[in-house]
PDB file of N, CA and C in Angstrom:
ATOM      1  N   MET A   1      -5.005  -4.945   5.809  1.00  0.00           N
ATOM      2  CA  MET A   1      -3.925  -4.404   4.533  1.00  0.00           C
ATOM      3  C   MET A   1      -3.485  -5.731   3.657  1.00  0.00           C
ATOM      4  N   ALA A   2      -3.521  -6.651   4.634  1.00  0.00           N
ATOM      5  CA  ALA A   2      -2.328  -7.798   4.293  1.00  0.00           C
ATOM      6  C   ALA A   2      -3.878  -8.886   3.815  1.00  0.00           C
ATOM      7  N   ASP A   3      -4.516  -8.744   3.964  1.00  0.00           N
ATOM      8  CA  ASP A   3      -5.685  -9.753   2.961  1.00  0.00           C
ATOM      9  C   ASP A   3      -5.787  -9.159   1.433  1.00  0.00           C
ATOM     10  N   LEU A   4      -4.996  -7.794   1.128  1.00  0.00           N
ATOM     11  CA  LEU A   4      -5.636  -7.624   0.118  1.00  0.00           C
ATOM     12  C   LEU A   4      -4.022  -7.836  -0.438  1.00  0.00           C
ATOM     13  N   LEU A   5      -3.249  -7.883  -0.248  1.00  0.00           N
ATOM     14  CA  LEU A   5      -1.840  -7.608  -0.640  1.00  0.00           C
ATOM     15  C   LEU A   5      -1.705  -9.261  -2.205  1.00  0.00           C
ATOM     16  N   GLY A   6      -2.157  -9.778  -1.519  1.00  0.00           N
ATOM     17  CA  GLY A   6      -1.604 -10.991  -2.519  1.00  0.00           C
ATOM     18  C   GLY A   6      -2.664 -10.833  -3.702  1.00  0.00           C
ATOM     19  N   ASP A   7      -3.420 -10.116  -3.804  1.00  0.00           N
ATOM     20  CA  ASP A   7      -4.357  -9.530  -5.110  1.00  0.00           C
ATOM     21  C   ASP A   7      -3.597  -8.251  -5.965  1.00  0.00           C
ATOM     22  N   GLY A   8      -3.354  -7.724  -4.991  1.00  0.00           N
ATOM     23  CA  GLY A   8      -2.850  -6.447  -5.290  1.00  0.00           C
ATOM     24  C   GLY A   8      -1.474  -6.652  -5.786  1.00  0.00           C
ATOM     25  N   ARG A   9      -0.585  -7.448  -5.162  1.00  0.00           N
ATOM     26  CA  ARG A   9       0.527  -8.010  -6.195  1.00  0.00           C
ATOM     27  C   ARG A   9      -0.053  -8.469  -7.656  1.00  0.00           C
ATOM     28  N   LYS A  10      -1.090  -9.100  -7.825  1.00  0.00           N
ATOM     29  CA  LYS A  10      -1.348  -9.712  -8.413  1.00  0.00           C
ATOM     30  C   LYS A  10      -1.616  -8.304 -10.106  1.00  0.00           C
ATOM     31  N   VAL A  11      -2.288  -7.570  -9.474  1.00  0.00           N
ATOM     32  CA  VAL A  11      -3.265  -6.451 -10.321  1.00  0.00           C
ATOM     33  C   VAL A  11      -1.556  -5.631 -10.757  1.00  0.00           C
ATOM     34  N   ARG A  12      -0.727  -5.534 -10.296  1.00  0.00           N
ATOM     35  CA  ARG A  12       0.252  -4.750  -9.472  1.00  0.00           C
ATOM     36  C   ARG A  12       1.122  -5.448 -10.978  1.00  0.00           C
ATOM     37  N   ASP A  13       1.397  -6.510 -11.344  1.00  0.00           N
ATOM     38  CA  ASP A  13       2.105  -7.226 -11.979  1.00  0.00           C
ATOM     39  C   ASP A  13       1.134  -7.701 -13.617  1.00  0.00           C
ATOM     40  N   GLU A  14       0.339  -7.951 -13.564  1.00  0.00           N
ATOM     41  CA  GLU A  14      -0.817  -7.724 -14.940  1.00  0.00           C
ATOM     42  C   GLU A  14      -0.612  -6.420 -15.392  1.00  0.00           C
ATOM     43  N   LEU A  15      -0.590  -5.460 -14.437  1.00  0.00           N
ATOM     44  CA  LEU A  15      -0.729  -4.243 -15.649  1.00  0.00           C
ATOM     45  C   LEU A  15       0.827  -3.845 -16.185  1.00  0.00           C
ATOM     46  N   ALA A  16       1.822  -4.086 -15.293  1.00  0.00           N
ATOM     47  CA  ALA A  16       2.904  -4.167 -15.483  1.00  0.00           C
ATOM     48  C   ALA A  16       3.575  -4.661 -17.141  1.00  0.00           C
ATOM     49  N   ALA A  17       2.919  -5.742 -17.050  1.00  0.00           N
ATOM     50  CA  ALA A  17       2.949  -6.669 -18.531  1.00  0.00           C
ATOM     51  C   ALA A  17       2.412  -6.117 -19.216  1.00  0.00           C
ATOM     52  N   ALA A  18       1.372  -5.858 -18.862  1.00  0.00           N
ATOM     53  CA  ALA A  18       0.265  -4.865 -20.245  1.00  0.00           C
ATOM     54  C   ALA A  18       0.966  -3.501 -20.881  1.00  0.00           C
ATOM     55  N   GLY A  19       1.719  -3.097 -19.466  1.00  0.00           N
ATOM     56  CA  GLY A  19       2.530  -1.688 -20.249  1.00  0.00           C
ATOM     57  C   GLY A  19       1.439  -0.725 -19.663  1.00  0.00           C
ATOM     58  N   ARG A  20       0.805  -0.685 -18.426  1.00  0.00           N
ATOM     59  CA  ARG A  20      -0.013  -0.004 -17.908  1.00  0.00           C
ATOM     60  C   ARG A  20       0.601   0.415 -16.469  1.00  0.00           C
ATOM     61  N   PRO A  21       0.146   1.503 -16.367  1.00  0.00           N
ATOM     62  CA  PRO A  21       0.424   1.955 -14.793  1.00  0.00           C
ATOM     63  C   PRO A  21      -0.189   1.392 -13.774  1.00  0.00           C
ATOM     64  N   LEU A  22       0.423   1.606 -12.483  1.00  0.00           N
ATOM     65  CA  LEU A  22      -0.343   1.540 -11.034  1.00  0.00           C
ATOM     66  C   LEU A  22      -0.786   2.791 -10.715  1.00  0.00           C
ATOM     67  N   THR A  23      -1.765   2.718 -11.051  1.00  0.00           N
ATOM     68  CA  THR A  23      -2.315   4.151 -10.502  1.00  0.00           C
ATOM     69  C   THR A  23      -3.730   4.033  -9.638  1.00  0.00           C
ATOM     70  N   ARG A  24      -4.089   4.336  -8.150  1.00  0.00           N
ATOM     71  CA  ARG A  24      -5.147   4.087  -7.495  1.00  0.00           C
ATOM     72  C   ARG A  24      -6.580   3.659  -8.380  1.00  0.00           C
ATOM     73  N   SER A  25      -6.794   4.260  -9.645  1.00  0.00           N
ATOM     74  CA  SER A  25      -7.598   3.848 -10.343  1.00  0.00           C
ATOM     75  C   SER A  25      -7.113   2.758 -10.542  1.00  0.00           C
ATOM     76  N   THR A  26      -6.163   2.263 -11.234  1.00  0.00           N
ATOM     77  CA  THR A  26      -6.129   0.755 -11.856  1.00  0.00           C
ATOM     78  C   THR A  26      -6.309  -0.217 -10.957  1.00  0.00           C
ATOM     79  N   LEU A  27      -5.294  -0.034  -9.942  1.00  0.00           N
ATOM     80  CA  LEU A  27      -5.492  -0.562  -8.482  1.00  0.00           C
ATOM     81  C   LEU A  27      -7.046  -0.919  -7.828  1.00  0.00           C
ATOM     82  N   HIS A  28      -7.737   0.025  -8.057  1.00  0.00           N
ATOM     83  CA  HIS A  28      -9.007  -0.363  -7.045  1.00  0.00           C
ATOM     84  C   HIS A  28      -9.939  -1.515  -8.604  1.00  0.00           C
ATOM     85  N   ALA A  29      -9.751  -1.146  -9.691  1.00  0.00           N
ATOM     86  CA  ALA A  29     -10.382  -1.671 -10.798  1.00  0.00           C
ATOM     87  C   ALA A  29     -10.098  -3.286 -10.650  1.00  0.00           C
ATOM     88  N   GLY A  30      -8.755  -3.168 -10.547  1.00  0.00           N
ATOM     89  CA  GLY A  30      -8.537  -4.800 -10.599  1.00  0.00           C
ATOM     90  C   GLY A  30      -8.669  -5.506  -9.247  1.00  0.00           C
ATOM     91  N   LEU A  31      -8.874  -4.445  -8.169  1.00  0.00           N
ATOM     92  CA  LEU A  31      -8.922  -5.768  -7.317  1.00  0.00           C
ATOM     93  C   LEU A  31     -10.761  -5.599  -7.133  1.00  0.00           C
ATOM     94  N   LYS A  32     -11.581  -5.240  -7.739  1.00  0.00           N
ATOM     95  CA  LYS A  32     -12.750  -5.274  -7.582  1.00  0.00           C
ATOM     96  C   LYS A  32     -13.180  -6.287  -8.569  1.00  0.00           C
ATOM     97  N   GLU A  33     -12.837  -6.594  -9.844  1.00  0.00           N
ATOM     98  CA  GLU A  33     -12.444  -7.430 -10.744  1.00  0.00           C
ATOM     99  C   GLU A  33     -12.258  -9.020  -9.799  1.00  0.00           C
ATOM    100  N   ARG A  34     -11.489  -8.912  -8.673  1.00  0.00           N
ATOM    101  CA  ARG A  34     -11.211 -10.191  -8.048  1.00  0.00           C
ATOM    102  C   ARG A  34     -12.237  -9.942  -7.154  1.00  0.00           C
ATOM    103  N   GLY A  35     -13.160  -9.396  -7.075  1.00  0.00           N
ATOM    104  CA  GLY A  35     -14.420  -9.481  -5.615  1.00  0.00           C
ATOM    105  C   GLY A  35     -13.616  -9.050  -4.600  1.00  0.00           C
ATOM    106  N   GLN A  36     -12.593  -7.647  -4.164  1.00  0.00           N
ATOM    107  CA  GLN A  36     -12.344  -7.072  -3.804  1.00  0.00           C
ATOM    108  C   GLN A  36     -12.989  -6.145  -3.106  1.00  0.00           C
ATOM    109  N   ARG A  37     -13.016  -5.939  -2.260  1.00  0.00           N
ATOM    110  CA  ARG A  37     -13.295  -4.387  -1.690  1.00  0.00           C
ATOM    111  C   ARG A  37     -12.031  -3.689  -0.851  1.00  0.00           C
ATOM    112  N   ALA A  38     -12.026  -2.487  -0.708  1.00  0.00           N
ATOM    113  CA  ALA A  38     -11.442  -1.680  -0.120  1.00  0.00           C
ATOM    114  C   ALA A  38     -11.480   0.147  -0.380  1.00  0.00           C
ATOM    115  N   GLY A  39     -11.369   0.331   1.223  1.00  0.00           N
ATOM    116  CA  GLY A  39     -11.659   1.755   1.439  1.00  0.00           C
ATOM    117  C   GLY A  39     -10.690   2.878   1.094  1.00  0.00           C
ATOM    118  N   THR A  40     -11.075   3.917   1.132  1.00  0.00           N
ATOM    119  CA  THR A  40      -9.398   4.534   0.278  1.00  0.00           C
ATOM    120  C   THR A  40      -8.311   4.913   1.551  1.00  0.00           C
ATOM    121  N   ARG A  41      -8.336   4.640   2.668  1.00  0.00           N
ATOM    122  CA  ARG A  41      -6.890   4.478   3.585  1.00  0.00           C
ATOM    123  C   ARG A  41      -6.405   2.914   3.130  1.00  0.00           C
ATOM    124  N   LYS A  42      -7.158   2.153   2.987  1.00  0.00           N
ATOM    125  CA  LYS A  42      -6.997   0.562   2.578  1.00  0.00           C
ATOM    126  C   LYS A  42      -6.071   0.821   1.354  1.00  0.00           C
ATOM    127  N   LEU A  43      -6.787   1.387   0.199  1.00  0.00           N
ATOM    128  CA  LEU A  43      -6.394   1.703  -0.780  1.00  0.00           C
ATOM    129  C   LEU A  43      -5.200   2.167  -1.050  1.00  0.00           C
ATOM    130  N   ASP A  44      -4.885   3.569  -0.542  1.00  0.00           N
ATOM    131  CA  ASP A  44      -3.601   4.472  -0.623  1.00  0.00           C
ATOM    132  C   ASP A  44      -2.418   3.715   0.106  1.00  0.00           C
ATOM    133  N   ALA A  45      -2.828   3.358   1.159  1.00  0.00           N
ATOM    134  CA  ALA A  45      -1.591   1.954   1.815  1.00  0.00           C
ATOM    135  C   ALA A  45      -0.864   0.932   1.365  1.00  0.00           C
ATOM    136  N   LEU A  46      -2.436   0.177   0.877  1.00  0.00           N
ATOM    137  CA  LEU A  46      -1.629  -0.460  -0.585  1.00  0.00           C
ATOM    138  C   LEU A  46      -0.889  -0.346  -1.705  1.00  0.00           C
ATOM    139  N   LEU A  47      -1.468   0.707  -2.160  1.00  0.00           N
ATOM    140  CA  LEU A  47      -0.703   1.587  -3.797  1.00  0.00           C
ATOM    141  C   LEU A  47       0.506   1.659  -2.538  1.00  0.00           C
ATOM    142  N   ARG A  48       0.968   2.661  -1.619  1.00  0.00           N
ATOM    143  CA  ARG A  48       2.682   3.054  -1.404  1.00  0.00           C
ATOM    144  C   ARG A  48       3.164   0.893  -1.300  1.00  0.00           C
ATOM    145  N   GLU A  49       2.438   0.468  -0.504  1.00  0.00           N
ATOM    146  CA  GLU A  49       3.201  -0.649  -0.507  1.00  0.00           C
ATOM    147  C   GLU A  49       3.160  -1.548  -1.552  1.00  0.00           C
ATOM    148  N   LEU A  50       2.761  -1.256  -2.672  1.00  0.00           N
ATOM    149  CA  LEU A  50       3.115  -2.212  -4.229  1.00  0.00           C
ATOM    150  C   LEU A  50       3.992  -0.904  -4.700  1.00  0.00           C
ATOM    151  N   ARG A  51       4.032  -0.210  -4.607  1.00  0.00           N
ATOM    152  CA  ARG A  51       5.001   0.801  -5.636  1.00  0.00           C
ATOM    153  C   ARG A  51       6.350   0.889  -4.766  1.00  0.00           C
ATOM    154  N   ALA A  52       6.310   0.141  -3.196  1.00  0.00           N
ATOM    155  CA  ALA A  52       7.421   0.215  -2.690  1.00  0.00           C
ATOM    156  C   ALA A  52       8.452  -1.035  -3.489  1.00  0.00           C
ATOM    157  N   GLU A  53       7.206  -1.944  -3.696  1.00  0.00           N
ATOM    158  CA  GLU A  53       8.405  -3.719  -4.046  1.00  0.00           C
ATOM    159  C   GLU A  53       8.482  -3.227  -5.572  1.00  0.00           C
ATOM    160  N   PRO A  54       9.288  -4.591  -5.662  1.00  0.00           N
ATOM    161  CA  PRO A  54       9.689  -4.769  -7.199  1.00  0.00           C
ATOM    162  C   PRO A  54       8.787  -5.126  -8.149  1.00  0.00           C
ATOM    163  N   VAL A  55       8.601  -5.265  -9.050  1.00  0.00           N
ATOM    164  CA  VAL A  55       7.361  -5.985  -9.772  1.00  0.00           C
ATOM    165  C   VAL A  55       7.827  -7.320  -9.643  1.00  0.00           C
ATOM    166  N   GLY A  56       6.633  -8.163  -9.703  1.00  0.00           N
ATOM    167  CA  GLY A  56       6.965  -9.643  -9.320  1.00  0.00           C
ATOM    168  C   GLY A  56       7.485 -10.397  -8.183  1.00  0.00           C
ATOM    169  N   ALA A  57       7.406  -9.289  -6.872  1.00  0.00           N
ATOM    170  CA  ALA A  57       7.282  -9.784  -5.576  1.00  0.00           C
ATOM    171  C   ALA A  57       6.285 -10.536  -5.315  1.00  0.00           C
ATOM    172  N   GLY A  58       6.649 -11.095  -4.582  1.00  0.00           N
ATOM    173  CA  GLY A  58       5.763 -11.821  -3.961  1.00  0.00           C
ATOM    174  C   GLY A  58       5.433 -13.122  -4.630  1.00  0.00           C
ATOM    175  N   ARG A  59       5.874 -13.678  -5.722  1.00  0.00           N
ATOM    176  CA  ARG A  59       4.970 -14.470  -6.560  1.00  0.00           C
ATOM    177  C   ARG A  59       6.169 -15.934  -6.291  1.00  0.00           C
TER     178      ARG A  59
END
């Protein structure tokens, strides 16, 4: 999951800036746009991690 965390944070922060929610679907779409692939388990774990962090973490 560590390989997805950086791009996941970017997706989360961009969604927040646009006033859109961080959901499994929006996270998956954002990662896909960046050329990242994630299976169900990784995506769910990443979503939990990103929701636990404040927006802008890791910048």
